[in-house]
Amino acid sequence: MMKLAAGDNVAVALRPLRAGETLALDGETLVIERDVALGHKIASRAVAQGEAIIKYNCPIGIATQAIAPGACVHTHNLRSAYLPATRREAAGEPRHP
């Protein structure tokens, strides 16, 4: 797992992870909640509902529910916080179906 910045509350899986696997991160032991694909995010600590998700020292979204350490962080528990100007259609490009 990779956590780029000290303030990040998620880490990125550098390989596929299996449910029940234990990993050490920042001196803590994380138990992986469910299978996680390469490149997906894992909560590196408890995240409260409404708290910003920080990845690579940048806010990328808001937790839509409480997220336990070791849980996968994805669209089921994260609302994107990207600005509309960063979306393709805001730049005049068509949205693809």
PDB file of N, CA and C in Angstrom:
ATOM      1  N   MET A   1       0.841  -1.169   0.000  1.00  0.00           N
ATOM      2  CA  MET A   1       0.000   0.000   0.000  1.00  0.00           C
ATOM      3  C   MET A   1       0.884   1.230   0.000  1.00  0.00           C
ATOM      4  N   MET A   2       0.384   2.274  -0.603  1.00  0.00           N
ATOM      5  CA  MET A   2       1.143   3.515  -0.683  1.00  0.00           C
ATOM      6  C   MET A   2       0.298   4.652  -0.128  1.00  0.00           C
ATOM      7  N   LYS A   3       0.903   5.391   0.775  1.00  0.00           N
ATOM      8  CA  LYS A   3       0.292   6.604   1.315  1.00  0.00           C
ATOM      9  C   LYS A   3       1.327   7.694   1.093  1.00  0.00           C
ATOM     10  N   LEU A   4       1.008   8.656   0.242  1.00  0.00           N
ATOM     11  CA  LEU A   4       1.982   9.650  -0.178  1.00  0.00           C
ATOM     12  C   LEU A   4       2.228  10.735   0.861  1.00  0.00           C
ATOM     13  N   ALA A   5       1.186  11.231   1.481  1.00  0.00           N
ATOM     14  CA  ALA A   5       1.315  12.358   2.399  1.00  0.00           C
ATOM     15  C   ALA A   5       0.834  11.963   3.795  1.00  0.00           C
ATOM     16  N   ALA A   6       1.459  12.543   4.799  1.00  0.00           N
ATOM     17  CA  ALA A   6       1.120  12.221   6.185  1.00  0.00           C
ATOM     18  C   ALA A   6      -0.357  12.483   6.491  1.00  0.00           C
ATOM     19  N   GLY A   7      -0.949  13.497   5.879  1.00  0.00           N
ATOM     20  CA  GLY A   7      -2.341  13.842   6.139  1.00  0.00           C
ATOM     21  C   GLY A   7      -3.364  13.017   5.392  1.00  0.00           C
ATOM     22  N   ASP A   8      -2.920  12.135   4.499  1.00  0.00           N
ATOM     23  CA  ASP A   8      -3.858  11.294   3.748  1.00  0.00           C
ATOM     24  C   ASP A   8      -4.618  10.379   4.703  1.00  0.00           C
ATOM     25  N   ASN A   9      -5.908  10.186   4.443  1.00  0.00           N
ATOM     26  CA  ASN A   9      -6.661   9.211   5.230  1.00  0.00           C
ATOM     27  C   ASN A   9      -7.015   7.978   4.421  1.00  0.00           C
ATOM     28  N   VAL A  10      -6.451   7.889   3.218  1.00  0.00           N
ATOM     29  CA  VAL A  10      -6.542   6.671   2.409  1.00  0.00           C
ATOM     30  C   VAL A  10      -5.157   6.320   1.892  1.00  0.00           C
ATOM     31  N   ALA A  11      -4.986   5.040   1.618  1.00  0.00           N
ATOM     32  CA  ALA A  11      -3.771   4.546   0.983  1.00  0.00           C
ATOM     33  C   ALA A  11      -4.214   3.803  -0.278  1.00  0.00           C
ATOM     34  N   VAL A  12      -3.291   3.616  -1.207  1.00  0.00           N
ATOM     35  CA  VAL A  12      -3.595   2.990  -2.490  1.00  0.00           C
ATOM     36  C   VAL A  12      -2.989   1.589  -2.517  1.00  0.00           C
ATOM     37  N   ALA A  13      -3.797   0.630  -2.937  1.00  0.00           N
ATOM     38  CA  ALA A  13      -3.325  -0.757  -3.040  1.00  0.00           C
ATOM     39  C   ALA A  13      -2.341  -0.875  -4.200  1.00  0.00           C
ATOM     40  N   LEU A  14      -1.146  -1.339  -3.917  1.00  0.00           N
ATOM     41  CA  LEU A  14      -0.119  -1.525  -4.953  1.00  0.00           C
ATOM     42  C   LEU A  14      -0.160  -2.927  -5.548  1.00  0.00           C
ATOM     43  N   ARG A  15      -1.065  -3.732  -5.032  1.00  0.00           N
ATOM     44  CA  ARG A  15      -1.318  -5.078  -5.551  1.00  0.00           C
ATOM     45  C   ARG A  15      -2.724  -5.458  -5.103  1.00  0.00           C
ATOM     46  N   PRO A  16      -3.314  -6.483  -5.703  1.00  0.00           N
ATOM     47  CA  PRO A  16      -4.628  -6.919  -5.213  1.00  0.00           C
ATOM     48  C   PRO A  16      -4.516  -7.363  -3.748  1.00  0.00           C
ATOM     49  N   LEU A  17      -5.506  -7.002  -2.956  1.00  0.00           N
ATOM     50  CA  LEU A  17      -5.542  -7.356  -1.539  1.00  0.00           C
ATOM     51  C   LEU A  17      -6.736  -8.271  -1.289  1.00  0.00           C
ATOM     52  N   ARG A  18      -6.591  -9.186  -0.355  1.00  0.00           N
ATOM     53  CA  ARG A  18      -7.635 -10.150  -0.029  1.00  0.00           C
ATOM     54  C   ARG A  18      -8.318  -9.809   1.297  1.00  0.00           C
ATOM     55  N   ALA A  19      -9.600 -10.065   1.363  1.00  0.00           N
ATOM     56  CA  ALA A  19     -10.358  -9.878   2.602  1.00  0.00           C
ATOM     57  C   ALA A  19      -9.682 -10.653   3.726  1.00  0.00           C
ATOM     58  N   GLY A  20      -9.522 -10.006   4.878  1.00  0.00           N
ATOM     59  CA  GLY A  20      -8.920 -10.640   6.033  1.00  0.00           C
ATOM     60  C   GLY A  20      -7.415 -10.494   6.113  1.00  0.00           C
ATOM     61  N   GLU A  21      -6.791 -10.065   5.023  1.00  0.00           N
ATOM     62  CA  GLU A  21      -5.335  -9.859   5.007  1.00  0.00           C
ATOM     63  C   GLU A  21      -4.988  -8.733   5.983  1.00  0.00           C
ATOM     64  N   THR A  22      -3.859  -8.843   6.663  1.00  0.00           N
ATOM     65  CA  THR A  22      -3.426  -7.782   7.561  1.00  0.00           C
ATOM     66  C   THR A  22      -2.197  -7.092   6.983  1.00  0.00           C
ATOM     67  N   LEU A  23      -2.168  -5.775   7.111  1.00  0.00           N
ATOM     68  CA  LEU A  23      -1.066  -4.955   6.613  1.00  0.00           C
ATOM     69  C   LEU A  23      -0.672  -3.944   7.677  1.00  0.00           C
ATOM     70  N   ALA A  24       0.577  -3.590   7.722  1.00  0.00           N
ATOM     71  CA  ALA A  24       1.059  -2.549   8.627  1.00  0.00           C
ATOM     72  C   ALA A  24       1.147  -1.239   7.853  1.00  0.00           C
ATOM     73  N   LEU A  25       0.626  -0.170   8.454  1.00  0.00           N
ATOM     74  CA  LEU A  25       0.685   1.159   7.843  1.00  0.00           C
ATOM     75  C   LEU A  25       0.749   2.182   8.964  1.00  0.00           C
ATOM     76  N   ASP A  26       1.740   3.040   8.925  1.00  0.00           N
ATOM     77  CA  ASP A  26       1.905   4.089   9.935  1.00  0.00           C
ATOM     78  C   ASP A  26       1.920   3.521  11.357  1.00  0.00           C
ATOM     79  N   GLY A  27       2.531   2.366  11.518  1.00  0.00           N
ATOM     80  CA  GLY A  27       2.629   1.758  12.838  1.00  0.00           C
ATOM     81  C   GLY A  27       1.353   1.092  13.322  1.00  0.00           C
ATOM     82  N   GLU A  28       0.332   1.068  12.491  1.00  0.00           N
ATOM     83  CA  GLU A  28      -0.945   0.434  12.834  1.00  0.00           C
ATOM     84  C   GLU A  28      -1.132  -0.805  11.963  1.00  0.00           C
ATOM     85  N   THR A  29      -1.914  -1.747  12.464  1.00  0.00           N
ATOM     86  CA  THR A  29      -2.261  -2.928  11.686  1.00  0.00           C
ATOM     87  C   THR A  29      -3.652  -2.740  11.117  1.00  0.00           C
ATOM     88  N   LEU A  30      -3.766  -2.859   9.806  1.00  0.00           N
ATOM     89  CA  LEU A  30      -5.060  -2.760   9.134  1.00  0.00           C
ATOM     90  C   LEU A  30      -5.490  -4.159   8.719  1.00  0.00           C
ATOM     91  N   VAL A  31      -6.747  -4.483   8.958  1.00  0.00           N
ATOM     92  CA  VAL A  31      -7.320  -5.726   8.464  1.00  0.00           C
ATOM     93  C   VAL A  31      -8.181  -5.348   7.265  1.00  0.00           C
ATOM     94  N   ILE A  32      -7.864  -5.902   6.107  1.00  0.00           N
ATOM     95  CA  ILE A  32      -8.580  -5.567   4.873  1.00  0.00           C
ATOM     96  C   ILE A  32      -9.983  -6.157   4.941  1.00  0.00           C
ATOM     97  N   GLU A  33     -10.976  -5.289   4.770  1.00  0.00           N
ATOM     98  CA  GLU A  33     -12.377  -5.647   4.956  1.00  0.00           C
ATOM     99  C   GLU A  33     -12.901  -6.585   3.862  1.00  0.00           C
ATOM    100  N   ARG A  34     -12.530  -6.315   2.611  1.00  0.00           N
ATOM    101  CA  ARG A  34     -12.989  -7.140   1.485  1.00  0.00           C
ATOM    102  C   ARG A  34     -11.916  -7.110   0.407  1.00  0.00           C
ATOM    103  N   ASP A  35     -12.035  -7.957  -0.589  1.00  0.00           N
ATOM    104  CA  ASP A  35     -11.054  -7.959  -1.672  1.00  0.00           C
ATOM    105  C   ASP A  35     -10.986  -6.567  -2.296  1.00  0.00           C
ATOM    106  N   VAL A  36      -9.762  -6.123  -2.564  1.00  0.00           N
ATOM    107  CA  VAL A  36      -9.526  -4.788  -3.111  1.00  0.00           C
ATOM    108  C   VAL A  36      -8.618  -4.927  -4.334  1.00  0.00           C
ATOM    109  N   ALA A  37      -9.007  -4.310  -5.426  1.00  0.00           N
ATOM    110  CA  ALA A  37      -8.231  -4.373  -6.662  1.00  0.00           C
ATOM    111  C   ALA A  37      -7.030  -3.426  -6.612  1.00  0.00           C
ATOM    112  N   LEU A  38      -6.044  -3.745  -7.393  1.00  0.00           N
ATOM    113  CA  LEU A  38      -4.867  -2.900  -7.579  1.00  0.00           C
ATOM    114  C   LEU A  38      -5.308  -1.470  -7.894  1.00  0.00           C
ATOM    115  N   GLY A  39      -4.739  -0.494  -7.191  1.00  0.00           N
ATOM    116  CA  GLY A  39      -5.026   0.910  -7.455  1.00  0.00           C
ATOM    117  C   GLY A  39      -6.213   1.480  -6.706  1.00  0.00           C
ATOM    118  N   HIS A  40      -6.963   0.634  -6.014  1.00  0.00           N
ATOM    119  CA  HIS A  40      -8.115   1.141  -5.272  1.00  0.00           C
ATOM    120  C   HIS A  40      -7.683   1.651  -3.899  1.00  0.00           C
ATOM    121  N   LYS A  41      -8.563   2.416  -3.271  1.00  0.00           N
ATOM    122  CA  LYS A  41      -8.249   3.085  -2.004  1.00  0.00           C
ATOM    123  C   LYS A  41      -8.726   2.280  -0.808  1.00  0.00           C
ATOM    124  N   ILE A  42      -7.942   2.351   0.270  1.00  0.00           N
ATOM    125  CA  ILE A  42      -8.268   1.737   1.556  1.00  0.00           C
ATOM    126  C   ILE A  42      -8.189   2.836   2.611  1.00  0.00           C
ATOM    127  N   ALA A  43      -9.143   2.853   3.535  1.00  0.00           N
ATOM    128  CA  ALA A  43      -9.073   3.817   4.645  1.00  0.00           C
ATOM    129  C   ALA A  43      -7.888   3.459   5.526  1.00  0.00           C
ATOM    130  N   SER A  44      -7.015   4.416   5.758  1.00  0.00           N
ATOM    131  CA  SER A  44      -5.840   4.175   6.590  1.00  0.00           C
ATOM    132  C   SER A  44      -6.134   4.443   8.067  1.00  0.00           C
ATOM    133  N   ARG A  45      -7.303   5.018   8.327  1.00  0.00           N
ATOM    134  CA  ARG A  45      -7.774   5.282   9.689  1.00  0.00           C
ATOM    135  C   ARG A  45      -9.286   5.425   9.617  1.00  0.00           C
ATOM    136  N   ALA A  46      -9.924   5.529  10.747  1.00  0.00           N
ATOM    137  CA  ALA A  46     -11.372   5.739  10.756  1.00  0.00           C
ATOM    138  C   ALA A  46     -11.691   7.098  10.114  1.00  0.00           C
ATOM    139  N   VAL A  47     -12.716   7.109   9.278  1.00  0.00           N
ATOM    140  CA  VAL A  47     -13.153   8.335   8.603  1.00  0.00           C
ATOM    141  C   VAL A  47     -14.624   8.543   8.960  1.00  0.00           C
ATOM    142  N   ALA A  48     -14.954   9.712   9.448  1.00  0.00           N
ATOM    143  CA  ALA A  48     -16.339  10.020   9.840  1.00  0.00           C
ATOM    144  C   ALA A  48     -17.185  10.379   8.629  1.00  0.00           C
ATOM    145  N   GLN A  49     -18.483  10.109   8.721  1.00  0.00           N
ATOM    146  CA  GLN A  49     -19.410  10.543   7.678  1.00  0.00           C
ATOM    147  C   GLN A  49     -19.289  12.054   7.524  1.00  0.00           C
ATOM    148  N   GLY A  50     -19.185  12.531   6.294  1.00  0.00           N
ATOM    149  CA  GLY A  50     -19.071  13.959   6.014  1.00  0.00           C
ATOM    150  C   GLY A  50     -17.643  14.472   5.983  1.00  0.00           C
ATOM    151  N   GLU A  51     -16.692  13.648   6.396  1.00  0.00           N
ATOM    152  CA  GLU A  51     -15.282  14.050   6.397  1.00  0.00           C
ATOM    153  C   GLU A  51     -14.700  13.969   4.986  1.00  0.00           C
ATOM    154  N   ALA A  52     -13.784  14.870   4.685  1.00  0.00           N
ATOM    155  CA  ALA A  52     -13.115  14.853   3.384  1.00  0.00           C
ATOM    156  C   ALA A  52     -12.209  13.627   3.280  1.00  0.00           C
ATOM    157  N   ILE A  53     -12.199  13.021   2.102  1.00  0.00           N
ATOM    158  CA  ILE A  53     -11.272  11.939   1.792  1.00  0.00           C
ATOM    159  C   ILE A  53     -10.043  12.600   1.182  1.00  0.00           C
ATOM    160  N   ILE A  54      -8.879  12.348   1.778  1.00  0.00           N
ATOM    161  CA  ILE A  54      -7.636  12.980   1.336  1.00  0.00           C
ATOM    162  C   ILE A  54      -6.726  11.919   0.739  1.00  0.00           C
ATOM    163  N   LYS A  55      -6.352  12.113  -0.520  1.00  0.00           N
ATOM    164  CA  LYS A  55      -5.462  11.194  -1.247  1.00  0.00           C
ATOM    165  C   LYS A  55      -4.391  12.039  -1.920  1.00  0.00           C
ATOM    166  N   TYR A  56      -3.132  11.665  -1.734  1.00  0.00           N
ATOM    167  CA  TYR A  56      -2.003  12.416  -2.292  1.00  0.00           C
ATOM    168  C   TYR A  56      -2.034  13.879  -1.848  1.00  0.00           C
ATOM    169  N   ASN A  57      -2.474  14.096  -0.610  1.00  0.00           N
ATOM    170  CA  ASN A  57      -2.550  15.415   0.018  1.00  0.00           C
ATOM    171  C   ASN A  57      -3.595  16.331  -0.634  1.00  0.00           C
ATOM    172  N   CYS A  58      -4.562  15.738  -1.341  1.00  0.00           N
ATOM    173  CA  CYS A  58      -5.619  16.508  -1.991  1.00  0.00           C
ATOM    174  C   CYS A  58      -6.980  15.934  -1.623  1.00  0.00           C
ATOM    175  N   PRO A  59      -7.956  16.781  -1.336  1.00  0.00           N
ATOM    176  CA  PRO A  59      -9.304  16.267  -1.083  1.00  0.00           C
ATOM    177  C   PRO A  59      -9.904  15.764  -2.397  1.00  0.00           C
ATOM    178  N   ILE A  60     -10.403  14.540  -2.384  1.00  0.00           N
ATOM    179  CA  ILE A  60     -10.988  13.971  -3.608  1.00  0.00           C
ATOM    180  C   ILE A  60     -12.471  13.687  -3.465  1.00  0.00           C
ATOM    181  N   GLY A  61     -12.993  13.757  -2.242  1.00  0.00           N
ATOM    182  CA  GLY A  61     -14.404  13.467  -2.046  1.00  0.00           C
ATOM    183  C   GLY A  61     -14.784  13.589  -0.589  1.00  0.00           C
ATOM    184  N   ILE A  62     -16.033  13.243  -0.331  1.00  0.00           N
ATOM    185  CA  ILE A  62     -16.614  13.310   1.006  1.00  0.00           C
ATOM    186  C   ILE A  62     -17.162  11.927   1.351  1.00  0.00           C
ATOM    187  N   ALA A  63     -16.885  11.463   2.563  1.00  0.00           N
ATOM    188  CA  ALA A  63     -17.414  10.177   3.014  1.00  0.00           C
ATOM    189  C   ALA A  63     -18.924  10.281   3.189  1.00  0.00           C
ATOM    190  N   THR A  64     -19.666   9.392   2.562  1.00  0.00           N
ATOM    191  CA  THR A  64     -21.125   9.397   2.678  1.00  0.00           C
ATOM    192  C   THR A  64     -21.600   8.567   3.866  1.00  0.00           C
ATOM    193  N   GLN A  65     -20.668   7.906   4.535  1.00  0.00           N
ATOM    194  CA  GLN A  65     -20.956   7.118   5.731  1.00  0.00           C
ATOM    195  C   GLN A  65     -19.650   6.971   6.503  1.00  0.00           C
ATOM    196  N   ALA A  66     -19.727   6.517   7.730  1.00  0.00           N
ATOM    197  CA  ALA A  66     -18.506   6.243   8.491  1.00  0.00           C
ATOM    198  C   ALA A  66     -17.749   5.111   7.793  1.00  0.00           C
ATOM    199  N   ILE A  67     -16.422   5.235   7.736  1.00  0.00           N
ATOM    200  CA  ILE A  67     -15.580   4.246   7.065  1.00  0.00           C
ATOM    201  C   ILE A  67     -14.540   3.757   8.062  1.00  0.00           C
ATOM    202  N   ALA A  68     -14.493   2.451   8.258  1.00  0.00           N
ATOM    203  CA  ALA A  68     -13.564   1.854   9.219  1.00  0.00           C
ATOM    204  C   ALA A  68     -12.169   1.720   8.616  1.00  0.00           C
ATOM    205  N   PRO A  69     -11.134   1.730   9.446  1.00  0.00           N
ATOM    206  CA  PRO A  69      -9.775   1.474   8.942  1.00  0.00           C
ATOM    207  C   PRO A  69      -9.741   0.120   8.226  1.00  0.00           C
ATOM    208  N   GLY A  70      -9.102   0.076   7.069  1.00  0.00           N
ATOM    209  CA  GLY A  70      -9.007  -1.163   6.296  1.00  0.00           C
ATOM    210  C   GLY A  70     -10.142  -1.378   5.318  1.00  0.00           C
ATOM    211  N   ALA A  71     -11.153  -0.499   5.353  1.00  0.00           N
ATOM    212  CA  ALA A  71     -12.290  -0.627   4.440  1.00  0.00           C
ATOM    213  C   ALA A  71     -11.943  -0.021   3.082  1.00  0.00           C
ATOM    214  N   CYS A  72     -12.504  -0.604   2.046  1.00  0.00           N
ATOM    215  CA  CYS A  72     -12.355  -0.066   0.697  1.00  0.00           C
ATOM    216  C   CYS A  72     -13.095   1.271   0.621  1.00  0.00           C
ATOM    217  N   VAL A  73     -12.485   2.249   0.004  1.00  0.00           N
ATOM    218  CA  VAL A  73     -13.107   3.571  -0.181  1.00  0.00           C
ATOM    219  C   VAL A  73     -13.361   3.728  -1.674  1.00  0.00           C
ATOM    220  N   HIS A  74     -14.647   3.768  -2.029  1.00  0.00           N
ATOM    221  CA  HIS A  74     -15.020   3.827  -3.445  1.00  0.00           C
ATOM    222  C   HIS A  74     -16.409   4.462  -3.538  1.00  0.00           C
ATOM    223  N   THR A  75     -17.066   4.323  -4.650  1.00  0.00           N
ATOM    224  CA  THR A  75     -18.330   5.017  -4.894  1.00  0.00           C
ATOM    225  C   THR A  75     -19.453   4.619  -3.937  1.00  0.00           C
ATOM    226  N   HIS A  76     -19.351   3.493  -3.251  1.00  0.00           N
ATOM    227  CA  HIS A  76     -20.399   3.079  -2.317  1.00  0.00           C
ATOM    228  C   HIS A  76     -20.336   3.859  -0.998  1.00  0.00           C
ATOM    229  N   ASN A  77     -19.204   4.528  -0.716  1.00  0.00           N
ATOM    230  CA  ASN A  77     -19.087   5.276   0.543  1.00  0.00           C
ATOM    231  C   ASN A  77     -18.375   6.616   0.363  1.00  0.00           C
ATOM    232  N   LEU A  78     -18.310   7.082  -0.873  1.00  0.00           N
ATOM    233  CA  LEU A  78     -17.605   8.318  -1.219  1.00  0.00           C
ATOM    234  C   LEU A  78     -18.404   9.097  -2.256  1.00  0.00           C
ATOM    235  N   ARG A  79     -18.543  10.395  -2.019  1.00  0.00           N
ATOM    236  CA  ARG A  79     -19.153  11.295  -3.018  1.00  0.00           C
ATOM    237  C   ARG A  79     -18.038  12.162  -3.558  1.00  0.00           C
ATOM    238  N   SER A  80     -17.914  12.224  -4.853  1.00  0.00           N
ATOM    239  CA  SER A  80     -16.855  13.007  -5.474  1.00  0.00           C
ATOM    240  C   SER A  80     -16.953  14.472  -5.075  1.00  0.00           C
ATOM    241  N   ALA A  81     -15.805  15.097  -4.912  1.00  0.00           N
ATOM    242  CA  ALA A  81     -15.757  16.524  -4.592  1.00  0.00           C
ATOM    243  C   ALA A  81     -15.049  17.293  -5.698  1.00  0.00           C
ATOM    244  N   TYR A  82     -14.905  16.671  -6.864  1.00  0.00           N
ATOM    245  CA  TYR A  82     -14.284  17.385  -7.971  1.00  0.00           C
ATOM    246  C   TYR A  82     -15.157  18.534  -8.411  1.00  0.00           C
ATOM    247  N   LEU A  83     -14.553  19.621  -8.751  1.00  0.00           N
ATOM    248  CA  LEU A  83     -15.294  20.787  -9.205  1.00  0.00           C
ATOM    249  C   LEU A  83     -15.870  20.538 -10.590  1.00  0.00           C
ATOM    250  N   PRO A  84     -17.039  21.088 -10.910  1.00  0.00           N
ATOM    251  CA  PRO A  84     -17.617  20.893 -12.240  1.00  0.00           C
ATOM    252  C   PRO A  84     -16.672  21.306 -13.359  1.00  0.00           C
ATOM    253  N   ALA A  85     -15.808  22.270 -13.112  1.00  0.00           N
ATOM    254  CA  ALA A  85     -14.889  22.729 -14.152  1.00  0.00           C
ATOM    255  C   ALA A  85     -13.873  21.661 -14.547  1.00  0.00           C
ATOM    256  N   THR A  86     -13.710  20.642 -13.726  1.00  0.00           N
ATOM    257  CA  THR A  86     -12.752  19.593 -14.059  1.00  0.00           C
ATOM    258  C   THR A  86     -13.386  18.487 -14.888  1.00  0.00           C
ATOM    259  N   ARG A  87     -14.699  18.540 -15.063  1.00  0.00           N
ATOM    260  CA  ARG A  87     -15.374  17.515 -15.845  1.00  0.00           C
ATOM    261  C   ARG A  87     -15.287  17.859 -17.321  1.00  0.00           C
ATOM    262  N   ARG A  88     -15.245  16.854 -18.152  1.00  0.00           N
ATOM    263  CA  ARG A  88     -15.076  17.061 -19.593  1.00  0.00           C
ATOM    264  C   ARG A  88     -16.172  17.931 -20.192  1.00  0.00           C
ATOM    265  N   GLU A  89     -17.432  17.693 -19.805  1.00  0.00           N
ATOM    266  CA  GLU A  89     -18.510  18.470 -20.422  1.00  0.00           C
ATOM    267  C   GLU A  89     -18.432  19.941 -20.057  1.00  0.00           C
ATOM    268  N   ALA A  90     -17.852  20.268 -18.904  1.00  0.00           N
ATOM    269  CA  ALA A  90     -17.669  21.663 -18.519  1.00  0.00           C
ATOM    270  C   ALA A  90     -16.629  22.335 -19.415  1.00  0.00           C
ATOM    271  N   ALA A  91     -15.748  21.537 -19.988  1.00  0.00           N
ATOM    272  CA  ALA A  91     -14.727  22.077 -20.876  1.00  0.00           C
ATOM    273  C   ALA A  91     -15.188  22.057 -22.339  1.00  0.00           C
ATOM    274  N   GLY A  92     -16.470  21.765 -22.550  1.00  0.00           N
ATOM    275  CA  GLY A  92     -17.016  21.763 -23.897  1.00  0.00           C
ATOM    276  C   GLY A  92     -16.890  20.441 -24.608  1.00  0.00           C
ATOM    277  N   GLU A  93     -16.389  19.414 -23.933  1.00  0.00           N
ATOM    278  CA  GLU A  93     -16.277  18.099 -24.547  1.00  0.00           C
ATOM    279  C   GLU A  93     -17.550  17.316 -24.249  1.00  0.00           C
ATOM    280  N   PRO A  94     -18.010  16.526 -25.207  1.00  0.00           N
ATOM    281  CA  PRO A  94     -19.245  15.759 -24.966  1.00  0.00           C
ATOM    282  C   PRO A  94     -19.027  14.658 -23.937  1.00  0.00           C
ATOM    283  N   ARG A  95     -20.082  14.375 -23.205  1.00  0.00           N
ATOM    284  CA  ARG A  95     -20.042  13.264 -22.241  1.00  0.00           C
ATOM    285  C   ARG A  95     -20.291  11.978 -23.003  1.00  0.00           C
ATOM    286  N   HIS A  96     -19.479  10.968 -22.742  1.00  0.00           N
ATOM    287  CA  HIS A  96     -19.641   9.686 -23.413  1.00  0.00           C
ATOM    288  C   HIS A  96     -20.575   8.806 -22.620  1.00  0.00           C
ATOM    289  N   PRO A  97     -21.435   8.053 -23.312  1.00  0.00           N
ATOM    290  CA  PRO A  97     -22.392   7.193 -22.600  1.00  0.00           C
ATOM    291  C   PRO A  97     -21.702   6.073 -21.874  1.00  0.00           C
TER     292      PRO A  97
END
